[in-house]
PDB file of N, CA and C in Angstrom:
ATOM      1  N   MET A   1       2.628  19.251  25.231  1.00  0.00           N
ATOM      2  CA  MET A   1       2.884  17.821  24.989  1.00  0.00           C
ATOM      3  C   MET A   1       2.699  17.399  23.847  1.00  0.00           C
ATOM      4  N   ARG A   2       4.115  16.322  23.429  1.00  0.00           N
ATOM      5  CA  ARG A   2       4.167  16.076  22.332  1.00  0.00           C
ATOM      6  C   ARG A   2       3.307  14.629  22.008  1.00  0.00           C
ATOM      7  N   LEU A   3       2.124  15.020  21.300  1.00  0.00           N
ATOM      8  CA  LEU A   3       1.447  14.196  20.472  1.00  0.00           C
ATOM      9  C   LEU A   3       1.400  12.431  20.707  1.00  0.00           C
ATOM     10  N   ILE A   4       0.702  11.726  21.036  1.00  0.00           N
ATOM     11  CA  ILE A   4       1.208  10.349  21.003  1.00  0.00           C
ATOM     12  C   ILE A   4      -0.069   9.114  20.346  1.00  0.00           C
ATOM     13  N   THR A   5       0.127   8.517  19.983  1.00  0.00           N
ATOM     14  CA  THR A   5      -1.060   8.298  18.959  1.00  0.00           C
ATOM     15  C   THR A   5      -1.313   6.675  20.272  1.00  0.00           C
ATOM     16  N   SER A   6      -2.390   5.938  19.509  1.00  0.00           N
ATOM     17  CA  SER A   6      -2.826   4.926  20.869  1.00  0.00           C
ATOM     18  C   SER A   6      -1.953   3.539  19.886  1.00  0.00           C
ATOM     19  N   GLY A   7      -2.238   3.843  18.529  1.00  0.00           N
ATOM     20  CA  GLY A   7      -0.922   2.396  18.853  1.00  0.00           C
ATOM     21  C   GLY A   7       0.556   2.050  19.273  1.00  0.00           C
ATOM     22  N   GLN A   8       1.040   3.271  19.755  1.00  0.00           N
ATOM     23  CA  GLN A   8       1.916   3.986  20.593  1.00  0.00           C
ATOM     24  C   GLN A   8       2.051   3.190  22.065  1.00  0.00           C
ATOM     25  N   ILE A   9       0.966   3.708  22.524  1.00  0.00           N
ATOM     26  CA  ILE A   9       0.158   3.165  23.886  1.00  0.00           C
ATOM     27  C   ILE A   9       0.135   1.345  24.368  1.00  0.00           C
ATOM     28  N   LYS A  10      -0.185   0.758  23.013  1.00  0.00           N
ATOM     29  CA  LYS A  10      -0.685  -0.497  22.867  1.00  0.00           C
ATOM     30  C   LYS A  10       0.790  -1.143  22.288  1.00  0.00           C
ATOM     31  N   ALA A  11       2.276  -0.445  22.080  1.00  0.00           N
ATOM     32  CA  ALA A  11       3.452  -0.726  21.456  1.00  0.00           C
ATOM     33  C   ALA A  11       3.904  -0.947  23.201  1.00  0.00           C
ATOM     34  N   ALA A  12       3.530   0.176  23.411  1.00  0.00           N
ATOM     35  CA  ALA A  12       4.611   0.391  25.088  1.00  0.00           C
ATOM     36  C   ALA A  12       4.119  -0.674  25.963  1.00  0.00           C
ATOM     37  N   ARG A  13       2.828  -0.647  25.851  1.00  0.00           N
ATOM     38  CA  ARG A  13       2.390  -1.494  26.660  1.00  0.00           C
ATOM     39  C   ARG A  13       3.137  -3.113  26.690  1.00  0.00           C
ATOM     40  N   ALA A  14       2.746  -3.391  25.540  1.00  0.00           N
ATOM     41  CA  ALA A  14       3.737  -4.466  24.953  1.00  0.00           C
ATOM     42  C   ALA A  14       4.751  -4.611  25.097  1.00  0.00           C
ATOM     43  N   LEU A  15       5.496  -4.378  25.064  1.00  0.00           N
ATOM     44  CA  LEU A  15       6.943  -3.796  25.133  1.00  0.00           C
ATOM     45  C   LEU A  15       7.460  -4.082  27.041  1.00  0.00           C
ATOM     46  N   LEU A  16       6.801  -3.607  27.079  1.00  0.00           N
ATOM     47  CA  LEU A  16       6.843  -3.390  28.639  1.00  0.00           C
ATOM     48  C   LEU A  16       6.068  -4.711  29.894  1.00  0.00           C
ATOM     49  N   GLY A  17       5.547  -5.379  28.790  1.00  0.00           N
ATOM     50  CA  GLY A  17       5.442  -6.420  29.460  1.00  0.00           C
ATOM     51  C   GLY A  17       3.626  -6.891  30.458  1.00  0.00           C
ATOM     52  N   LEU A  18       2.876  -5.411  29.885  1.00  0.00           N
ATOM     53  CA  LEU A  18       1.889  -5.291  31.365  1.00  0.00           C
ATOM     54  C   LEU A  18       0.449  -5.318  30.602  1.00  0.00           C
ATOM     55  N   THR A  19      -0.076  -5.068  30.822  1.00  0.00           N
ATOM     56  CA  THR A  19      -1.709  -6.183  31.148  1.00  0.00           C
ATOM     57  C   THR A  19      -2.746  -4.731  31.065  1.00  0.00           C
ATOM     58  N   VAL A  20      -3.358  -3.795  30.462  1.00  0.00           N
ATOM     59  CA  VAL A  20      -4.405  -2.651  30.172  1.00  0.00           C
ATOM     60  C   VAL A  20      -4.499  -1.847  31.905  1.00  0.00           C
ATOM     61  N   ALA A  21      -5.402  -3.095  32.847  1.00  0.00           N
ATOM     62  CA  ALA A  21      -4.858  -3.546  34.048  1.00  0.00           C
ATOM     63  C   ALA A  21      -3.913  -2.577  35.045  1.00  0.00           C
ATOM     64  N   GLU A  22      -2.697  -2.702  34.780  1.00  0.00           N
ATOM     65  CA  GLU A  22      -1.557  -2.637  35.186  1.00  0.00           C
ATOM     66  C   GLU A  22      -1.946  -1.859  34.727  1.00  0.00           C
ATOM     67  N   LEU A  23      -1.154  -0.593  33.531  1.00  0.00           N
ATOM     68  CA  LEU A  23      -0.612   0.362  33.167  1.00  0.00           C
ATOM     69  C   LEU A  23      -1.919   1.040  33.447  1.00  0.00           C
ATOM     70  N   ALA A  24      -2.649   0.988  33.135  1.00  0.00           N
ATOM     71  CA  ALA A  24      -4.034   2.134  33.993  1.00  0.00           C
ATOM     72  C   ALA A  24      -3.377   2.472  35.451  1.00  0.00           C
ATOM     73  N   LYS A  25      -3.457   1.682  36.047  1.00  0.00           N
ATOM     74  CA  LYS A  25      -3.111   1.508  37.810  1.00  0.00           C
ATOM     75  C   LYS A  25      -1.782   2.279  37.726  1.00  0.00           C
ATOM     76  N   THR A  26      -0.705   2.169  36.712  1.00  0.00           N
ATOM     77  CA  THR A  26       0.890   2.735  37.398  1.00  0.00           C
ATOM     78  C   THR A  26       0.706   4.437  36.550  1.00  0.00           C
ATOM     79  N   ALA A  27      -0.097   4.640  35.967  1.00  0.00           N
ATOM     80  CA  ALA A  27      -0.667   5.764  35.500  1.00  0.00           C
ATOM     81  C   ALA A  27      -1.718   7.100  36.086  1.00  0.00           C
ATOM     82  N   GLY A  28      -2.747   5.747  37.132  1.00  0.00           N
ATOM     83  CA  GLY A  28      -3.167   6.793  37.917  1.00  0.00           C
ATOM     84  C   GLY A  28      -4.537   6.935  37.329  1.00  0.00           C
ATOM     85  N   ILE A  29      -4.927   6.078  36.247  1.00  0.00           N
ATOM     86  CA  ILE A  29      -6.353   6.411  35.610  1.00  0.00           C
ATOM     87  C   ILE A  29      -6.851   5.166  35.461  1.00  0.00           C
ATOM     88  N   GLY A  30      -8.038   5.610  35.343  1.00  0.00           N
ATOM     89  CA  GLY A  30      -9.219   3.986  35.494  1.00  0.00           C
ATOM     90  C   GLY A  30      -9.191   3.098  34.180  1.00  0.00           C
ATOM     91  N   PHE A  31      -9.449   1.945  34.087  1.00  0.00           N
ATOM     92  CA  PHE A  31      -9.899   0.515  33.795  1.00  0.00           C
ATOM     93  C   PHE A  31     -10.090   1.308  32.247  1.00  0.00           C
ATOM     94  N   THR A  32     -10.986   1.713  32.301  1.00  0.00           N
ATOM     95  CA  THR A  32     -12.038   1.932  31.086  1.00  0.00           C
ATOM     96  C   THR A  32     -11.839   2.996  30.593  1.00  0.00           C
ATOM     97  N   THR A  33     -10.681   3.959  30.987  1.00  0.00           N
ATOM     98  CA  THR A  33     -10.173   5.357  30.213  1.00  0.00           C
ATOM     99  C   THR A  33      -8.911   4.826  29.323  1.00  0.00           C
ATOM    100  N   MET A  34      -7.974   3.617  30.337  1.00  0.00           N
ATOM    101  CA  MET A  34      -6.774   3.172  29.129  1.00  0.00           C
ATOM    102  C   MET A  34      -7.861   2.144  28.726  1.00  0.00           C
ATOM    103  N   VAL A  35      -9.032   1.694  28.666  1.00  0.00           N
ATOM    104  CA  VAL A  35      -9.314   1.045  27.453  1.00  0.00           C
ATOM    105  C   VAL A  35      -9.838   2.045  26.473  1.00  0.00           C
ATOM    106  N   ARG A  36     -10.340   3.121  26.924  1.00  0.00           N
ATOM    107  CA  ARG A  36     -10.888   3.833  25.612  1.00  0.00           C
ATOM    108  C   ARG A  36      -9.589   4.431  24.967  1.00  0.00           C
ATOM    109  N   LEU A  37      -8.676   4.620  25.358  1.00  0.00           N
ATOM    110  CA  LEU A  37      -7.463   5.109  24.972  1.00  0.00           C
ATOM    111  C   LEU A  37      -6.893   4.420  23.753  1.00  0.00           C
ATOM    112  N   GLU A  38      -6.656   3.246  24.314  1.00  0.00           N
ATOM    113  CA  GLU A  38      -6.010   2.165  23.398  1.00  0.00           C
ATOM    114  C   GLU A  38      -7.089   1.487  21.865  1.00  0.00           C
ATOM    115  N   SER A  39      -8.760   2.137  22.166  1.00  0.00           N
ATOM    116  CA  SER A  39      -9.342   1.448  20.869  1.00  0.00           C
ATOM    117  C   SER A  39      -9.464   2.207  20.142  1.00  0.00           C
ATOM    118  N   SER A  40      -8.760   3.873  20.143  1.00  0.00           N
ATOM    119  CA  SER A  40      -9.039   4.446  19.200  1.00  0.00           C
ATOM    120  C   SER A  40      -8.001   4.691  18.474  1.00  0.00           C
ATOM    121  N   ASP A  41      -8.738   5.395  17.209  1.00  0.00           N
ATOM    122  CA  ASP A  41      -7.401   5.287  16.148  1.00  0.00           C
ATOM    123  C   ASP A  41      -6.818   6.549  15.707  1.00  0.00           C
ATOM    124  N   GLY A  42      -5.432   6.250  15.911  1.00  0.00           N
ATOM    125  CA  GLY A  42      -4.502   8.143  15.916  1.00  0.00           C
ATOM    126  C   GLY A  42      -4.258   8.270  17.489  1.00  0.00           C
ATOM    127  N   ILE A  43      -4.289   9.570  17.389  1.00  0.00           N
ATOM    128  CA  ILE A  43      -4.129  10.015  18.345  1.00  0.00           C
ATOM    129  C   ILE A  43      -5.531  10.009  19.473  1.00  0.00           C
ATOM    130  N   PRO A  44      -5.327   9.946  20.550  1.00  0.00           N
ATOM    131  CA  PRO A  44      -6.661   9.048  21.596  1.00  0.00           C
ATOM    132  C   PRO A  44      -7.044  10.600  22.041  1.00  0.00           C
ATOM    133  N   ALA A  45      -8.938  10.906  22.099  1.00  0.00           N
ATOM    134  CA  ALA A  45      -9.096  12.282  22.380  1.00  0.00           C
ATOM    135  C   ALA A  45      -9.409  11.952  23.734  1.00  0.00           C
ATOM    136  N   GLY A  46      -8.971  12.434  24.555  1.00  0.00           N
ATOM    137  CA  GLY A  46      -8.801  12.494  26.197  1.00  0.00           C
ATOM    138  C   GLY A  46      -8.478  13.969  26.378  1.00  0.00           C
ATOM    139  N   ASN A  47      -8.426  14.418  28.048  1.00  0.00           N
ATOM    140  CA  ASN A  47      -7.856  14.675  29.102  1.00  0.00           C
ATOM    141  C   ASN A  47      -6.107  14.901  28.950  1.00  0.00           C
ATOM    142  N   VAL A  48      -5.734  16.233  28.251  1.00  0.00           N
ATOM    143  CA  VAL A  48      -3.795  16.047  28.197  1.00  0.00           C
ATOM    144  C   VAL A  48      -3.900  15.802  29.992  1.00  0.00           C
ATOM    145  N   LYS A  49      -4.581  16.147  30.845  1.00  0.00           N
ATOM    146  CA  LYS A  49      -3.745  15.419  32.349  1.00  0.00           C
ATOM    147  C   LYS A  49      -3.685  13.702  32.427  1.00  0.00           C
ATOM    148  N   THR A  50      -4.489  13.183  31.827  1.00  0.00           N
ATOM    149  CA  THR A  50      -4.904  11.522  31.183  1.00  0.00           C
ATOM    150  C   THR A  50      -3.623  10.900  30.512  1.00  0.00           C
ATOM    151  N   LEU A  51      -3.314  11.543  29.739  1.00  0.00           N
ATOM    152  CA  LEU A  51      -2.505  11.158  28.520  1.00  0.00           C
ATOM    153  C   LEU A  51      -1.110  11.046  28.674  1.00  0.00           C
ATOM    154  N   THR A  52      -1.012  13.015  29.225  1.00  0.00           N
ATOM    155  CA  THR A  52       0.639  12.756  30.403  1.00  0.00           C
ATOM    156  C   THR A  52       0.464  11.647  30.988  1.00  0.00           C
ATOM    157  N   SER A  53      -0.764  11.249  31.623  1.00  0.00           N
ATOM    158  CA  SER A  53       0.183  10.623  33.341  1.00  0.00           C
ATOM    159  C   SER A  53       0.101   9.072  32.339  1.00  0.00           C
ATOM    160  N   VAL A  54      -0.120   8.634  31.445  1.00  0.00           N
ATOM    161  CA  VAL A  54      -0.126   7.549  30.731  1.00  0.00           C
ATOM    162  C   VAL A  54       1.240   7.705  30.060  1.00  0.00           C
ATOM    163  N   LYS A  55       1.735   8.667  29.029  1.00  0.00           N
ATOM    164  CA  LYS A  55       3.629   8.899  28.705  1.00  0.00           C
ATOM    165  C   LYS A  55       4.028   8.933  30.152  1.00  0.00           C
ATOM    166  N   THR A  56       3.712   9.791  31.040  1.00  0.00           N
ATOM    167  CA  THR A  56       4.938   9.605  31.432  1.00  0.00           C
ATOM    168  C   THR A  56       5.196   8.116  32.117  1.00  0.00           C
ATOM    169  N   ALA A  57       4.077   7.550  32.470  1.00  0.00           N
ATOM    170  CA  ALA A  57       4.212   6.163  33.021  1.00  0.00           C
ATOM    171  C   ALA A  57       5.265   5.055  31.980  1.00  0.00           C
ATOM    172  N   ILE A  58       4.760   5.553  31.037  1.00  0.00           N
ATOM    173  CA  ILE A  58       5.876   4.651  29.844  1.00  0.00           C
ATOM    174  C   ILE A  58       7.077   4.814  30.220  1.00  0.00           C
ATOM    175  N   GLU A  59       7.276   5.938  29.976  1.00  0.00           N
ATOM    176  CA  GLU A  59       8.613   6.607  30.053  1.00  0.00           C
ATOM    177  C   GLU A  59       9.649   6.381  30.934  1.00  0.00           C
ATOM    178  N   LYS A  60       8.784   6.485  32.275  1.00  0.00           N
ATOM    179  CA  LYS A  60       9.669   6.205  33.292  1.00  0.00           C
ATOM    180  C   LYS A  60      10.074   4.332  33.972  1.00  0.00           C
ATOM    181  N   ALA A  61       9.210   4.131  32.729  1.00  0.00           N
ATOM    182  CA  ALA A  61       9.119   2.691  32.697  1.00  0.00           C
ATOM    183  C   ALA A  61       9.835   1.930  31.951  1.00  0.00           C
ATOM    184  N   GLY A  62      10.715   2.979  30.967  1.00  0.00           N
ATOM    185  CA  GLY A  62      11.951   2.843  30.687  1.00  0.00           C
ATOM    186  C   GLY A  62      12.085   3.110  28.886  1.00  0.00           C
ATOM    187  N   VAL A  63      10.096   3.530  28.623  1.00  0.00           N
ATOM    188  CA  VAL A  63      10.417   3.161  27.202  1.00  0.00           C
ATOM    189  C   VAL A  63      10.326   4.663  26.248  1.00  0.00           C
ATOM    190  N   GLU A  64      10.425   4.952  25.127  1.00  0.00           N
ATOM    191  CA  GLU A  64      10.550   6.344  24.742  1.00  0.00           C
ATOM    192  C   GLU A  64       9.598   6.693  23.921  1.00  0.00           C
ATOM    193  N   PHE A  65       8.901   7.456  23.507  1.00  0.00           N
ATOM    194  CA  PHE A  65       8.259   7.276  21.909  1.00  0.00           C
ATOM    195  C   PHE A  65       9.054   7.919  20.996  1.00  0.00           C
ATOM    196  N   ILE A  66       8.394   7.332  19.676  1.00  0.00           N
ATOM    197  CA  ILE A  66       9.712   8.440  18.622  1.00  0.00           C
ATOM    198  C   ILE A  66       9.006   8.619  17.307  1.00  0.00           C
ATOM    199  N   GLY A  67       9.138   9.236  16.620  1.00  0.00           N
ATOM    200  CA  GLY A  67       8.099   9.729  15.532  1.00  0.00           C
ATOM    201  C   GLY A  67       7.508  11.071  16.178  1.00  0.00           C
ATOM    202  N   THR A  68       6.496  11.011  14.894  1.00  0.00           N
ATOM    203  CA  THR A  68       5.855  11.654  15.237  1.00  0.00           C
ATOM    204  C   THR A  68       4.123  11.196  15.071  1.00  0.00           C
ATOM    205  N   PRO A  69       2.661  11.113  15.638  1.00  0.00           N
ATOM    206  CA  PRO A  69       1.473  10.695  15.041  1.00  0.00           C
ATOM    207  C   PRO A  69       2.061  10.542  12.936  1.00  0.00           C
ATOM    208  N   ASP A  70       2.237  11.578  12.608  1.00  0.00           N
ATOM    209  CA  ASP A  70       2.088  11.369  11.020  1.00  0.00           C
ATOM    210  C   ASP A  70       2.965  10.104  10.252  1.00  0.00           C
ATOM    211  N   SER A  71       3.904  10.821  10.825  1.00  0.00           N
ATOM    212  CA  SER A  71       5.371   9.758  10.614  1.00  0.00           C
ATOM    213  C   SER A  71       6.381   8.885  11.400  1.00  0.00           C
ATOM    214  N   GLY A  72       6.246   7.439  10.994  1.00  0.00           N
ATOM    215  CA  GLY A  72       7.336   6.660  12.043  1.00  0.00           C
ATOM    216  C   GLY A  72       6.760   6.821  13.130  1.00  0.00           C
ATOM    217  N   ALA A  73       6.039   6.725  13.837  1.00  0.00           N
ATOM    218  CA  ALA A  73       5.130   6.361  15.302  1.00  0.00           C
ATOM    219  C   ALA A  73       5.265   5.706  15.833  1.00  0.00           C
ATOM    220  N   GLY A  74       6.264   5.596  16.574  1.00  0.00           N
ATOM    221  CA  GLY A  74       6.698   4.351  17.314  1.00  0.00           C
ATOM    222  C   GLY A  74       7.713   4.587  18.866  1.00  0.00           C
ATOM    223  N   VAL A  75       7.388   3.107  19.124  1.00  0.00           N
ATOM    224  CA  VAL A  75       8.150   3.325  20.926  1.00  0.00           C
ATOM    225  C   VAL A  75       9.312   2.252  20.369  1.00  0.00           C
ATOM    226  N   ARG A  76      10.541   2.378  21.496  1.00  0.00           N
ATOM    227  CA  ARG A  76      11.237   1.731  22.079  1.00  0.00           C
ATOM    228  C   ARG A  76      12.063   2.248  23.242  1.00  0.00           C
ATOM    229  N   TRP A  77      12.703   1.010  23.529  1.00  0.00           N
ATOM    230  CA  TRP A  77      13.723   0.803  25.065  1.00  0.00           C
ATOM    231  C   TRP A  77      14.452   2.565  24.648  1.00  0.00           C
ATOM    232  N   LYS A  78      14.420   2.875  26.195  1.00  0.00           N
ATOM    233  CA  LYS A  78      15.492   3.882  26.377  1.00  0.00           C
ATOM    234  C   LYS A  78      17.164   3.743  26.290  1.00  0.00           C
ATOM    235  N   THR A  79      17.772   4.389  25.910  1.00  0.00           N
ATOM    236  CA  THR A  79      18.976   4.280  25.515  1.00  0.00           C
ATOM    237  C   THR A  79      20.094   5.139  26.364  1.00  0.00           C
TER     238      THR A  79
END
């Protein structure tokens, strides 16, 4: 899995207009887990399966992750 940052998760959620609870439900994870993922700095610590679920949910909603955690990490609408 390509690494994503907590900032990218927050930015993607904002772009989609979702609350923390809505994204957690869509990704099939708990609310407190989502809060923890978003509140860390840089690459969130967590189970790979959990991070993959979040990334997949965001990508299915039409947002893609760009850059790397070390250079230009961001999100944008899929073209």
